[in-house]
Amino acid sequence: ANLPAAASARRAKEALRPSSTEIAVEEEEEEKKPTKADDQKAAVPSPPPAAAPPPPDLRVDRSSEDKIKQLEAQLAEWQRNQEAADLKTHRRIVELLEQSADKQKLLDDAEK
């Protein structure tokens, strides 16, 4: 029996068959093609869009206004606190950098 020839014939036959990926791509392309039903749907004009509903009543009662003002005040306070903390942090960083530069200068002077 000529096994290598049979194996190479089988490999050649397998190479001609589409891979599962190729089959999936072809199926996807088939699904995307318009059908007669799609053509008929496109021919039927769609109804005009419905009128937008009236805007909701935007009146805010007094308690809601008070709550909004309270939350805005709280937010402003938090922002001020955050800015103060950021400033304090930056000052500390500058202080440490200056100390480091001074120590490095002393080391450089000592090496001379």
PDB file of N, CA and C in Angstrom:
ATOM      1  N   ALA A   1       0.841  -1.185   0.000  1.00  0.00           N
ATOM      2  CA  ALA A   1       0.000   0.000   0.000  1.00  0.00           C
ATOM      3  C   ALA A   1       0.875   1.233   0.000  1.00  0.00           C
ATOM      4  N   ASN A   2       0.442   2.202  -0.737  1.00  0.00           N
ATOM      5  CA  ASN A   2       1.218   3.422  -0.869  1.00  0.00           C
ATOM      6  C   ASN A   2       0.668   4.466   0.107  1.00  0.00           C
ATOM      7  N   LEU A   3       1.100   4.391   1.372  1.00  0.00           N
ATOM      8  CA  LEU A   3       0.571   5.257   2.420  1.00  0.00           C
ATOM      9  C   LEU A   3       0.916   6.728   2.219  1.00  0.00           C
ATOM     10  N   PRO A   4       2.143   7.089   1.871  1.00  0.00           N
ATOM     11  CA  PRO A   4       2.438   8.509   1.706  1.00  0.00           C
ATOM     12  C   PRO A   4       1.584   9.143   0.610  1.00  0.00           C
ATOM     13  N   ALA A   5       1.305   8.422  -0.462  1.00  0.00           N
ATOM     14  CA  ALA A   5       0.492   8.983  -1.539  1.00  0.00           C
ATOM     15  C   ALA A   5      -0.942   9.190  -1.059  1.00  0.00           C
ATOM     16  N   ALA A   6      -1.469   8.238  -0.277  1.00  0.00           N
ATOM     17  CA  ALA A   6      -2.830   8.365   0.239  1.00  0.00           C
ATOM     18  C   ALA A   6      -2.918   9.545   1.207  1.00  0.00           C
ATOM     19  N   ALA A   7      -1.896   9.701   2.035  1.00  0.00           N
ATOM     20  CA  ALA A   7      -1.889  10.807   2.991  1.00  0.00           C
ATOM     21  C   ALA A   7      -1.811  12.142   2.269  1.00  0.00           C
ATOM     22  N   SER A   8      -0.985  12.235   1.230  1.00  0.00           N
ATOM     23  CA  SER A   8      -0.873  13.509   0.522  1.00  0.00           C
ATOM     24  C   SER A   8      -2.153  13.807  -0.247  1.00  0.00           C
ATOM     25  N   ALA A   9      -2.845  12.769  -0.763  1.00  0.00           N
ATOM     26  CA  ALA A   9      -4.114  12.980  -1.454  1.00  0.00           C
ATOM     27  C   ALA A   9      -5.161  13.487  -0.462  1.00  0.00           C
ATOM     28  N   ARG A  10      -5.151  12.949   0.769  1.00  0.00           N
ATOM     29  CA  ARG A  10      -6.091  13.377   1.794  1.00  0.00           C
ATOM     30  C   ARG A  10      -5.826  14.836   2.174  1.00  0.00           C
ATOM     31  N   ARG A  11      -4.533  15.191   2.312  1.00  0.00           N
ATOM     32  CA  ARG A  11      -4.185  16.572   2.659  1.00  0.00           C
ATOM     33  C   ARG A  11      -4.621  17.534   1.561  1.00  0.00           C
ATOM     34  N   ALA A  12      -4.458  17.136   0.311  1.00  0.00           N
ATOM     35  CA  ALA A  12      -4.857  17.988  -0.805  1.00  0.00           C
ATOM     36  C   ALA A  12      -6.365  18.192  -0.796  1.00  0.00           C
ATOM     37  N   LYS A  13      -7.102  17.123  -0.489  1.00  0.00           N
ATOM     38  CA  LYS A  13      -8.560  17.208  -0.440  1.00  0.00           C
ATOM     39  C   LYS A  13      -8.996  18.132   0.702  1.00  0.00           C
ATOM     40  N   GLU A  14      -8.314  18.030   1.877  1.00  0.00           N
ATOM     41  CA  GLU A  14      -8.637  18.870   3.027  1.00  0.00           C
ATOM     42  C   GLU A  14      -8.325  20.334   2.739  1.00  0.00           C
ATOM     43  N   ALA A  15      -7.267  20.587   1.980  1.00  0.00           N
ATOM     44  CA  ALA A  15      -6.884  21.961   1.657  1.00  0.00           C
ATOM     45  C   ALA A  15      -7.939  22.631   0.789  1.00  0.00           C
ATOM     46  N   LEU A  16      -8.654  21.846  -0.011  1.00  0.00           N
ATOM     47  CA  LEU A  16      -9.678  22.413  -0.882  1.00  0.00           C
ATOM     48  C   LEU A  16     -10.953  22.751  -0.125  1.00  0.00           C
ATOM     49  N   ARG A  17     -11.185  22.108   1.028  1.00  0.00           N
ATOM     50  CA  ARG A  17     -12.383  22.373   1.821  1.00  0.00           C
ATOM     51  C   ARG A  17     -12.231  23.707   2.551  1.00  0.00           C
ATOM     52  N   PRO A  18     -13.306  24.501   2.625  1.00  0.00           N
ATOM     53  CA  PRO A  18     -13.204  25.772   3.356  1.00  0.00           C
ATOM     54  C   PRO A  18     -13.081  25.513   4.856  1.00  0.00           C
ATOM     55  N   SER A  19     -12.334  26.389   5.536  1.00  0.00           N
ATOM     56  CA  SER A  19     -12.173  26.242   6.984  1.00  0.00           C
ATOM     57  C   SER A  19     -13.446  26.696   7.684  1.00  0.00           C
ATOM     58  N   SER A  20     -13.540  26.382   8.962  1.00  0.00           N
ATOM     59  CA  SER A  20     -14.737  26.771   9.719  1.00  0.00           C
ATOM     60  C   SER A  20     -14.861  28.290   9.779  1.00  0.00           C
ATOM     61  N   THR A  21     -13.738  28.983   9.810  1.00  0.00           N
ATOM     62  CA  THR A  21     -13.771  30.450   9.816  1.00  0.00           C
ATOM     63  C   THR A  21     -14.322  30.975   8.502  1.00  0.00           C
ATOM     64  N   GLU A  22     -13.867  30.394   7.398  1.00  0.00           N
ATOM     65  CA  GLU A  22     -14.355  30.825   6.088  1.00  0.00           C
ATOM     66  C   GLU A  22     -15.858  30.565   5.960  1.00  0.00           C
ATOM     67  N   ILE A  23     -16.301  29.416   6.471  1.00  0.00           N
ATOM     68  CA  ILE A  23     -17.723  29.077   6.417  1.00  0.00           C
ATOM     69  C   ILE A  23     -18.520  30.097   7.227  1.00  0.00           C
ATOM     70  N   ALA A  24     -18.033  30.444   8.421  1.00  0.00           N
ATOM     71  CA  ALA A  24     -18.735  31.401   9.280  1.00  0.00           C
ATOM     72  C   ALA A  24     -18.820  32.768   8.606  1.00  0.00           C
ATOM     73  N   VAL A  25     -17.742  33.193   7.943  1.00  0.00           N
ATOM     74  CA  VAL A  25     -17.741  34.487   7.253  1.00  0.00           C
ATOM     75  C   VAL A  25     -18.749  34.474   6.114  1.00  0.00           C
ATOM     76  N   GLU A  26     -18.788  33.366   5.367  1.00  0.00           N
ATOM     77  CA  GLU A  26     -19.742  33.269   4.258  1.00  0.00           C
ATOM     78  C   GLU A  26     -21.180  33.313   4.773  1.00  0.00           C
ATOM     79  N   GLU A  27     -21.450  32.615   5.882  1.00  0.00           N
ATOM     80  CA  GLU A  27     -22.797  32.618   6.448  1.00  0.00           C
ATOM     81  C   GLU A  27     -23.187  34.020   6.906  1.00  0.00           C
ATOM     82  N   GLU A  28     -22.228  34.729   7.495  1.00  0.00           N
ATOM     83  CA  GLU A  28     -22.489  36.089   7.954  1.00  0.00           C
ATOM     84  C   GLU A  28     -22.820  36.998   6.777  1.00  0.00           C
ATOM     85  N   GLU A  29     -22.081  36.842   5.680  1.00  0.00           N
ATOM     86  CA  GLU A  29     -22.327  37.657   4.491  1.00  0.00           C
ATOM     87  C   GLU A  29     -23.696  37.346   3.897  1.00  0.00           C
ATOM     88  N   GLU A  30     -24.087  36.076   3.927  1.00  0.00           N
ATOM     89  CA  GLU A  30     -25.403  35.695   3.413  1.00  0.00           C
ATOM     90  C   GLU A  30     -26.510  36.354   4.236  1.00  0.00           C
ATOM     91  N   GLU A  31     -26.309  36.411   5.569  1.00  0.00           N
ATOM     92  CA  GLU A  31     -27.318  37.008   6.437  1.00  0.00           C
ATOM     93  C   GLU A  31     -27.457  38.503   6.176  1.00  0.00           C
ATOM     94  N   LYS A  32     -26.369  39.152   5.758  1.00  0.00           N
ATOM     95  CA  LYS A  32     -26.389  40.591   5.534  1.00  0.00           C
ATOM     96  C   LYS A  32     -27.048  40.966   4.218  1.00  0.00           C
ATOM     97  N   LYS A  33     -27.135  40.025   3.269  1.00  0.00           N
ATOM     98  CA  LYS A  33     -27.724  40.326   1.969  1.00  0.00           C
ATOM     99  C   LYS A  33     -29.205  40.625   2.140  1.00  0.00           C
ATOM    100  N   PRO A  34     -29.701  41.666   1.446  1.00  0.00           N
ATOM    101  CA  PRO A  34     -31.126  41.984   1.575  1.00  0.00           C
ATOM    102  C   PRO A  34     -31.990  40.898   0.941  1.00  0.00           C
ATOM    103  N   THR A  35     -33.113  40.630   1.564  1.00  0.00           N
ATOM    104  CA  THR A  35     -34.047  39.630   1.053  1.00  0.00           C
ATOM    105  C   THR A  35     -35.216  40.350   0.405  1.00  0.00           C
ATOM    106  N   LYS A  36     -36.108  39.581  -0.237  1.00  0.00           N
ATOM    107  CA  LYS A  36     -37.288  40.186  -0.856  1.00  0.00           C
ATOM    108  C   LYS A  36     -38.158  40.855   0.200  1.00  0.00           C
ATOM    109  N   ALA A  37     -38.231  40.256   1.382  1.00  0.00           N
ATOM    110  CA  ALA A  37     -39.029  40.841   2.462  1.00  0.00           C
ATOM    111  C   ALA A  37     -38.454  42.202   2.854  1.00  0.00           C
ATOM    112  N   ASP A  38     -37.110  42.296   2.879  1.00  0.00           N
ATOM    113  CA  ASP A  38     -36.474  43.571   3.201  1.00  0.00           C
ATOM    114  C   ASP A  38     -36.796  44.612   2.138  1.00  0.00           C
ATOM    115  N   ASP A  39     -36.797  44.184   0.857  1.00  0.00           N
ATOM    116  CA  ASP A  39     -37.108  45.108  -0.233  1.00  0.00           C
ATOM    117  C   ASP A  39     -38.534  45.617  -0.099  1.00  0.00           C
ATOM    118  N   GLN A  40     -39.452  44.728   0.288  1.00  0.00           N
ATOM    119  CA  GLN A  40     -40.850  45.130   0.437  1.00  0.00           C
ATOM    120  C   GLN A  40     -41.011  46.098   1.606  1.00  0.00           C
ATOM    121  N   LYS A  41     -40.264  45.848   2.679  1.00  0.00           N
ATOM    122  CA  LYS A  41     -40.322  46.746   3.830  1.00  0.00           C
ATOM    123  C   LYS A  41     -39.819  48.132   3.445  1.00  0.00           C
ATOM    124  N   ALA A  42     -38.758  48.167   2.642  1.00  0.00           N
ATOM    125  CA  ALA A  42     -38.185  49.444   2.233  1.00  0.00           C
ATOM    126  C   ALA A  42     -39.150  50.208   1.337  1.00  0.00           C
ATOM    127  N   ALA A  43     -39.968  49.497   0.565  1.00  0.00           N
ATOM    128  CA  ALA A  43     -40.897  50.152  -0.349  1.00  0.00           C
ATOM    129  C   ALA A  43     -42.070  50.776   0.395  1.00  0.00           C
ATOM    130  N   VAL A  44     -42.417  50.246   1.561  1.00  0.00           N
ATOM    131  CA  VAL A  44     -43.539  50.770   2.334  1.00  0.00           C
ATOM    132  C   VAL A  44     -43.049  51.991   3.110  1.00  0.00           C
ATOM    133  N   PRO A  45     -43.668  53.153   2.895  1.00  0.00           N
ATOM    134  CA  PRO A  45     -43.193  54.340   3.620  1.00  0.00           C
ATOM    135  C   PRO A  45     -43.488  54.208   5.109  1.00  0.00           C
ATOM    136  N   SER A  46     -42.551  54.672   5.898  1.00  0.00           N
ATOM    137  CA  SER A  46     -42.756  54.599   7.337  1.00  0.00           C
ATOM    138  C   SER A  46     -43.640  55.761   7.762  1.00  0.00           C
ATOM    139  N   PRO A  47     -44.417  55.562   8.803  1.00  0.00           N
ATOM    140  CA  PRO A  47     -45.310  56.635   9.254  1.00  0.00           C
ATOM    141  C   PRO A  47     -44.481  57.800   9.797  1.00  0.00           C
ATOM    142  N   PRO A  48     -45.012  59.004   9.752  1.00  0.00           N
ATOM    143  CA  PRO A  48     -44.253  60.149  10.273  1.00  0.00           C
ATOM    144  C   PRO A  48     -44.033  59.979  11.771  1.00  0.00           C
ATOM    145  N   PRO A  49     -42.937  60.517  12.275  1.00  0.00           N
ATOM    146  CA  PRO A  49     -42.671  60.357  13.708  1.00  0.00           C
ATOM    147  C   PRO A  49     -43.755  61.032  14.533  1.00  0.00           C
ATOM    148  N   ALA A  50     -44.054  60.424  15.656  1.00  0.00           N
ATOM    149  CA  ALA A  50     -45.094  60.961  16.539  1.00  0.00           C
ATOM    150  C   ALA A  50     -44.603  62.273  17.137  1.00  0.00           C
ATOM    151  N   ALA A  51     -45.522  63.139  17.429  1.00  0.00           N
ATOM    152  CA  ALA A  51     -45.162  64.419  18.039  1.00  0.00           C
ATOM    153  C   ALA A  51     -44.531  64.154  19.399  1.00  0.00           C
ATOM    154  N   ALA A  52     -43.515  64.938  19.715  1.00  0.00           N
ATOM    155  CA  ALA A  52     -42.821  64.765  20.987  1.00  0.00           C
ATOM    156  C   ALA A  52     -43.782  65.062  22.126  1.00  0.00           C
ATOM    157  N   PRO A  53     -43.671  64.310  23.203  1.00  0.00           N
ATOM    158  CA  PRO A  53     -44.558  64.572  24.339  1.00  0.00           C
ATOM    159  C   PRO A  53     -44.243  65.948  24.922  1.00  0.00           C
ATOM    160  N   PRO A  54     -45.194  66.570  25.548  1.00  0.00           N
ATOM    161  CA  PRO A  54     -44.933  67.885  26.128  1.00  0.00           C
ATOM    162  C   PRO A  54     -43.875  67.768  27.222  1.00  0.00           C
ATOM    163  N   PRO A  55     -43.079  68.815  27.421  1.00  0.00           N
ATOM    164  CA  PRO A  55     -42.031  68.728  28.448  1.00  0.00           C
ATOM    165  C   PRO A  55     -42.651  68.558  29.828  1.00  0.00           C
ATOM    166  N   PRO A  56     -41.947  67.854  30.698  1.00  0.00           N
ATOM    167  CA  PRO A  56     -42.488  67.657  32.043  1.00  0.00           C
ATOM    168  C   PRO A  56     -42.558  68.998  32.774  1.00  0.00           C
ATOM    169  N   ASP A  57     -43.398  69.042  33.757  1.00  0.00           N
ATOM    170  CA  ASP A  57     -43.542  70.255  34.552  1.00  0.00           C
ATOM    171  C   ASP A  57     -42.248  70.447  35.340  1.00  0.00           C
ATOM    172  N   LEU A  58     -41.531  71.518  35.059  1.00  0.00           N
ATOM    173  CA  LEU A  58     -40.217  71.724  35.660  1.00  0.00           C
ATOM    174  C   LEU A  58     -40.265  72.569  36.934  1.00  0.00           C
ATOM    175  N   ARG A  59     -41.436  72.813  37.421  1.00  0.00           N
ATOM    176  CA  ARG A  59     -41.520  73.569  38.668  1.00  0.00           C
ATOM    177  C   ARG A  59     -40.944  72.732  39.803  1.00  0.00           C
ATOM    178  N   VAL A  60     -40.160  73.378  40.626  1.00  0.00           N
ATOM    179  CA  VAL A  60     -39.529  72.689  41.749  1.00  0.00           C
ATOM    180  C   VAL A  60     -40.130  73.252  43.026  1.00  0.00           C
ATOM    181  N   ASP A  61     -40.516  72.375  43.902  1.00  0.00           N
ATOM    182  CA  ASP A  61     -41.108  72.875  45.142  1.00  0.00           C
ATOM    183  C   ASP A  61     -40.027  73.440  46.063  1.00  0.00           C
ATOM    184  N   ARG A  62     -40.445  74.119  47.075  1.00  0.00           N
ATOM    185  CA  ARG A  62     -39.540  74.844  47.974  1.00  0.00           C
ATOM    186  C   ARG A  62     -38.546  73.910  48.654  1.00  0.00           C
ATOM    187  N   SER A  63     -38.981  72.746  49.089  1.00  0.00           N
ATOM    188  CA  SER A  63     -38.072  71.825  49.786  1.00  0.00           C
ATOM    189  C   SER A  63     -36.981  71.330  48.835  1.00  0.00           C
ATOM    190  N   SER A  64     -37.327  71.135  47.570  1.00  0.00           N
ATOM    191  CA  SER A  64     -36.324  70.705  46.596  1.00  0.00           C
ATOM    192  C   SER A  64     -35.303  71.814  46.356  1.00  0.00           C
ATOM    193  N   GLU A  65     -35.773  73.049  46.290  1.00  0.00           N
ATOM    194  CA  GLU A  65     -34.853  74.179  46.111  1.00  0.00           C
ATOM    195  C   GLU A  65     -33.889  74.273  47.282  1.00  0.00           C
ATOM    196  N   ASP A  66     -34.403  74.097  48.490  1.00  0.00           N
ATOM    197  CA  ASP A  66     -33.556  74.146  49.685  1.00  0.00           C
ATOM    198  C   ASP A  66     -32.518  73.025  49.655  1.00  0.00           C
ATOM    199  N   LYS A  67     -32.951  71.843  49.236  1.00  0.00           N
ATOM    200  CA  LYS A  67     -32.042  70.695  49.169  1.00  0.00           C
ATOM    201  C   LYS A  67     -30.945  70.955  48.131  1.00  0.00           C
ATOM    202  N   ILE A  68     -31.325  71.530  46.992  1.00  0.00           N
ATOM    203  CA  ILE A  68     -30.349  71.843  45.944  1.00  0.00           C
ATOM    204  C   ILE A  68     -29.323  72.845  46.468  1.00  0.00           C
ATOM    205  N   LYS A  69     -29.787  73.888  47.145  1.00  0.00           N
ATOM    206  CA  LYS A  69     -28.871  74.897  47.695  1.00  0.00           C
ATOM    207  C   LYS A  69     -27.945  74.278  48.734  1.00  0.00           C
ATOM    208  N   GLN A  70     -28.497  73.397  49.562  1.00  0.00           N
ATOM    209  CA  GLN A  70     -27.692  72.732  50.592  1.00  0.00           C
ATOM    210  C   GLN A  70     -26.597  71.884  49.941  1.00  0.00           C
ATOM    211  N   LEU A  71     -26.963  71.119  48.916  1.00  0.00           N
ATOM    212  CA  LEU A  71     -25.979  70.269  48.242  1.00  0.00           C
ATOM    213  C   LEU A  71     -24.926  71.102  47.514  1.00  0.00           C
ATOM    214  N   GLU A  72     -25.351  72.223  46.908  1.00  0.00           N
ATOM    215  CA  GLU A  72     -24.390  73.101  46.237  1.00  0.00           C
ATOM    216  C   GLU A  72     -23.404  73.691  47.238  1.00  0.00           C
ATOM    217  N   ALA A  73     -23.895  74.087  48.421  1.00  0.00           N
ATOM    218  CA  ALA A  73     -23.026  74.636  49.462  1.00  0.00           C
ATOM    219  C   ALA A  73     -22.041  73.573  49.952  1.00  0.00           C
ATOM    220  N   GLN A  74     -22.537  72.353  50.120  1.00  0.00           N
ATOM    221  CA  GLN A  74     -21.673  71.261  50.567  1.00  0.00           C
ATOM    222  C   GLN A  74     -20.600  70.970  49.523  1.00  0.00           C
ATOM    223  N   LEU A  75     -20.981  70.964  48.262  1.00  0.00           N
ATOM    224  CA  LEU A  75     -20.025  70.731  47.182  1.00  0.00           C
ATOM    225  C   LEU A  75     -18.966  71.829  47.151  1.00  0.00           C
ATOM    226  N   ALA A  76     -19.379  73.074  47.302  1.00  0.00           N
ATOM    227  CA  ALA A  76     -18.429  74.193  47.308  1.00  0.00           C
ATOM    228  C   ALA A  76     -17.443  74.051  48.469  1.00  0.00           C
ATOM    229  N   GLU A  77     -17.950  73.637  49.643  1.00  0.00           N
ATOM    230  CA  GLU A  77     -17.074  73.444  50.803  1.00  0.00           C
ATOM    231  C   GLU A  77     -16.062  72.329  50.536  1.00  0.00           C
ATOM    232  N   TRP A  78     -16.519  71.236  49.959  1.00  0.00           N
ATOM    233  CA  TRP A  78     -15.611  70.128  49.646  1.00  0.00           C
ATOM    234  C   TRP A  78     -14.548  70.563  48.641  1.00  0.00           C
ATOM    235  N   GLN A  79     -14.959  71.369  47.669  1.00  0.00           N
ATOM    236  CA  GLN A  79     -13.992  71.843  46.677  1.00  0.00           C
ATOM    237  C   GLN A  79     -12.943  72.739  47.329  1.00  0.00           C
ATOM    238  N   ARG A  80     -13.380  73.619  48.238  1.00  0.00           N
ATOM    239  CA  ARG A  80     -12.417  74.481  48.952  1.00  0.00           C
ATOM    240  C   ARG A  80     -11.462  73.628  49.779  1.00  0.00           C
ATOM    241  N   ASN A  81     -11.994  72.624  50.477  1.00  0.00           N
ATOM    242  CA  ASN A  81     -11.143  71.743  51.283  1.00  0.00           C
ATOM    243  C   ASN A  81     -10.141  70.995  50.407  1.00  0.00           C
ATOM    244  N   GLN A  82     -10.594  70.541  49.240  1.00  0.00           N
ATOM    245  CA  GLN A  82      -9.709  69.814  48.332  1.00  0.00           C
ATOM    246  C   GLN A  82      -8.595  70.727  47.823  1.00  0.00           C
ATOM    247  N   GLU A  83      -8.959  71.955  47.462  1.00  0.00           N
ATOM    248  CA  GLU A  83      -7.949  72.906  46.985  1.00  0.00           C
ATOM    249  C   GLU A  83      -6.938  73.221  48.079  1.00  0.00           C
ATOM    250  N   ALA A  84      -7.401  73.371  49.322  1.00  0.00           N
ATOM    251  CA  ALA A  84      -6.502  73.643  50.441  1.00  0.00           C
ATOM    252  C   ALA A  84      -5.561  72.460  50.667  1.00  0.00           C
ATOM    253  N   ALA A  85      -6.090  71.253  50.584  1.00  0.00           N
ATOM    254  CA  ALA A  85      -5.258  70.059  50.768  1.00  0.00           C
ATOM    255  C   ALA A  85      -4.231  69.941  49.641  1.00  0.00           C
ATOM    256  N   ASP A  86      -4.644  70.246  48.409  1.00  0.00           N
ATOM    257  CA  ASP A  86      -3.705  70.205  47.281  1.00  0.00           C
ATOM    258  C   ASP A  86      -2.586  71.222  47.474  1.00  0.00           C
ATOM    259  N   LEU A  87      -2.939  72.424  47.899  1.00  0.00           N
ATOM    260  CA  LEU A  87      -1.944  73.469  48.115  1.00  0.00           C
ATOM    261  C   LEU A  87      -0.960  73.052  49.207  1.00  0.00           C
ATOM    262  N   LYS A  88      -1.478  72.486  50.292  1.00  0.00           N
ATOM    263  CA  LYS A  88      -0.632  72.026  51.392  1.00  0.00           C
ATOM    264  C   LYS A  88       0.330  70.933  50.905  1.00  0.00           C
ATOM    265  N   THR A  89      -0.188  70.018  50.089  1.00  0.00           N
ATOM    266  CA  THR A  89       0.644  68.937  49.551  1.00  0.00           C
ATOM    267  C   THR A  89       1.742  69.494  48.657  1.00  0.00           C
ATOM    268  N   HIS A  90       1.400  70.446  47.803  1.00  0.00           N
ATOM    269  CA  HIS A  90       2.401  71.026  46.900  1.00  0.00           C
ATOM    270  C   HIS A  90       3.474  71.779  47.681  1.00  0.00           C
ATOM    271  N   ARG A  91       3.061  72.491  48.725  1.00  0.00           N
ATOM    272  CA  ARG A  91       4.047  73.197  49.563  1.00  0.00           C
ATOM    273  C   ARG A  91       5.008  72.206  50.211  1.00  0.00           C
ATOM    274  N   ARG A  92       4.478  71.091  50.680  1.00  0.00           N
ATOM    275  CA  ARG A  92       5.325  70.069  51.319  1.00  0.00           C
ATOM    276  C   ARG A  92       6.294  69.470  50.306  1.00  0.00           C
ATOM    277  N   ILE A  93       5.843  69.258  49.095  1.00  0.00           N
ATOM    278  CA  ILE A  93       6.715  68.719  48.045  1.00  0.00           C
ATOM    279  C   ILE A  93       7.852  69.693  47.763  1.00  0.00           C
ATOM    280  N   VAL A  94       7.530  70.982  47.648  1.00  0.00           N
ATOM    281  CA  VAL A  94       8.560  71.996  47.400  1.00  0.00           C
ATOM    282  C   VAL A  94       9.550  72.021  48.559  1.00  0.00           C
ATOM    283  N   GLU A  95       9.036  71.958  49.778  1.00  0.00           N
ATOM    284  CA  GLU A  95       9.898  71.955  50.961  1.00  0.00           C
ATOM    285  C   GLU A  95      10.864  70.766  50.927  1.00  0.00           C
ATOM    286  N   LEU A  96      10.360  69.585  50.612  1.00  0.00           N
ATOM    287  CA  LEU A  96      11.212  68.391  50.564  1.00  0.00           C
ATOM    288  C   LEU A  96      12.232  68.478  49.435  1.00  0.00           C
ATOM    289  N   LEU A  97      11.829  69.028  48.299  1.00  0.00           N
ATOM    290  CA  LEU A  97      12.774  69.191  47.191  1.00  0.00           C
ATOM    291  C   LEU A  97      13.894  70.160  47.564  1.00  0.00           C
ATOM    292  N   GLU A  98      13.537  71.239  48.266  1.00  0.00           N
ATOM    293  CA  GLU A  98      14.560  72.197  48.700  1.00  0.00           C
ATOM    294  C   GLU A  98      15.517  71.546  49.689  1.00  0.00           C
ATOM    295  N   GLN A  99      14.981  70.765  50.630  1.00  0.00           N
ATOM    296  CA  GLN A  99      15.835  70.066  51.596  1.00  0.00           C
ATOM    297  C   GLN A  99      16.766  69.100  50.876  1.00  0.00           C
ATOM    298  N   SER A 100      16.237  68.387  49.906  1.00  0.00           N
ATOM    299  CA  SER A 100      17.039  67.431  49.151  1.00  0.00           C
ATOM    300  C   SER A 100      18.145  68.148  48.391  1.00  0.00           C
ATOM    301  N   ALA A 101      17.819  69.280  47.787  1.00  0.00           N
ATOM    302  CA  ALA A 101      18.824  70.042  47.043  1.00  0.00           C
ATOM    303  C   ALA A 101      19.910  70.553  47.984  1.00  0.00           C
ATOM    304  N   ASP A 102      19.511  71.019  49.172  1.00  0.00           N
ATOM    305  CA  ASP A 102      20.496  71.499  50.148  1.00  0.00           C
ATOM    306  C   ASP A 102      21.423  70.370  50.589  1.00  0.00           C
ATOM    307  N   LYS A 103      20.860  69.196  50.869  1.00  0.00           N
ATOM    308  CA  LYS A 103      21.679  68.052  51.287  1.00  0.00           C
ATOM    309  C   LYS A 103      22.621  67.616  50.173  1.00  0.00           C
ATOM    310  N   GLN A 104      22.132  67.628  48.934  1.00  0.00           N
ATOM    311  CA  GLN A 104      22.973  67.236  47.806  1.00  0.00           C
ATOM    312  C   GLN A 104      24.125  68.225  47.645  1.00  0.00           C
ATOM    313  N   LYS A 105      23.829  69.516  47.866  1.00  0.00           N
ATOM    314  CA  LYS A 105      24.874  70.535  47.746  1.00  0.00           C
ATOM    315  C   LYS A 105      25.935  70.314  48.820  1.00  0.00           C
ATOM    316  N   LEU A 106      25.497  70.008  50.055  1.00  0.00           N
ATOM    317  CA  LEU A 106      26.447  69.735  51.135  1.00  0.00           C
ATOM    318  C   LEU A 106      27.313  68.524  50.803  1.00  0.00           C
ATOM    319  N   LEU A 107      26.703  67.472  50.229  1.00  0.00           N
ATOM    320  CA  LEU A 107      27.470  66.284  49.846  1.00  0.00           C
ATOM    321  C   LEU A 107      28.478  66.617  48.752  1.00  0.00           C
ATOM    322  N   ASP A 108      28.049  67.395  47.775  1.00  0.00           N
ATOM    323  CA  ASP A 108      28.951  67.778  46.687  1.00  0.00           C
ATOM    324  C   ASP A 108      30.115  68.611  47.217  1.00  0.00           C
ATOM    325  N   ASP A 109      29.823  69.543  48.144  1.00  0.00           N
ATOM    326  CA  ASP A 109      30.878  70.378  48.731  1.00  0.00           C
ATOM    327  C   ASP A 109      31.835  69.534  49.559  1.00  0.00           C
ATOM    328  N   ALA A 110      31.321  68.522  50.278  1.00  0.00           N
ATOM    329  CA  ALA A 110      32.158  67.661  51.108  1.00  0.00           C
ATOM    330  C   ALA A 110      33.078  66.799  50.253  1.00  0.00           C
ATOM    331  N   GLU A 111      32.640  66.422  49.052  1.00  0.00           N
ATOM    332  CA  GLU A 111      33.464  65.591  48.171  1.00  0.00           C
ATOM    333  C   GLU A 111      34.610  66.384  47.557  1.00  0.00           C
ATOM    334  N   LYS A 112      34.483  67.690  47.471  1.00  0.00           N
ATOM    335  CA  LYS A 112      35.535  68.532  46.878  1.00  0.00           C
ATOM    336  C   LYS A 112      36.645  68.665  47.831  1.00  0.00           C
TER     337      LYS A 112
END
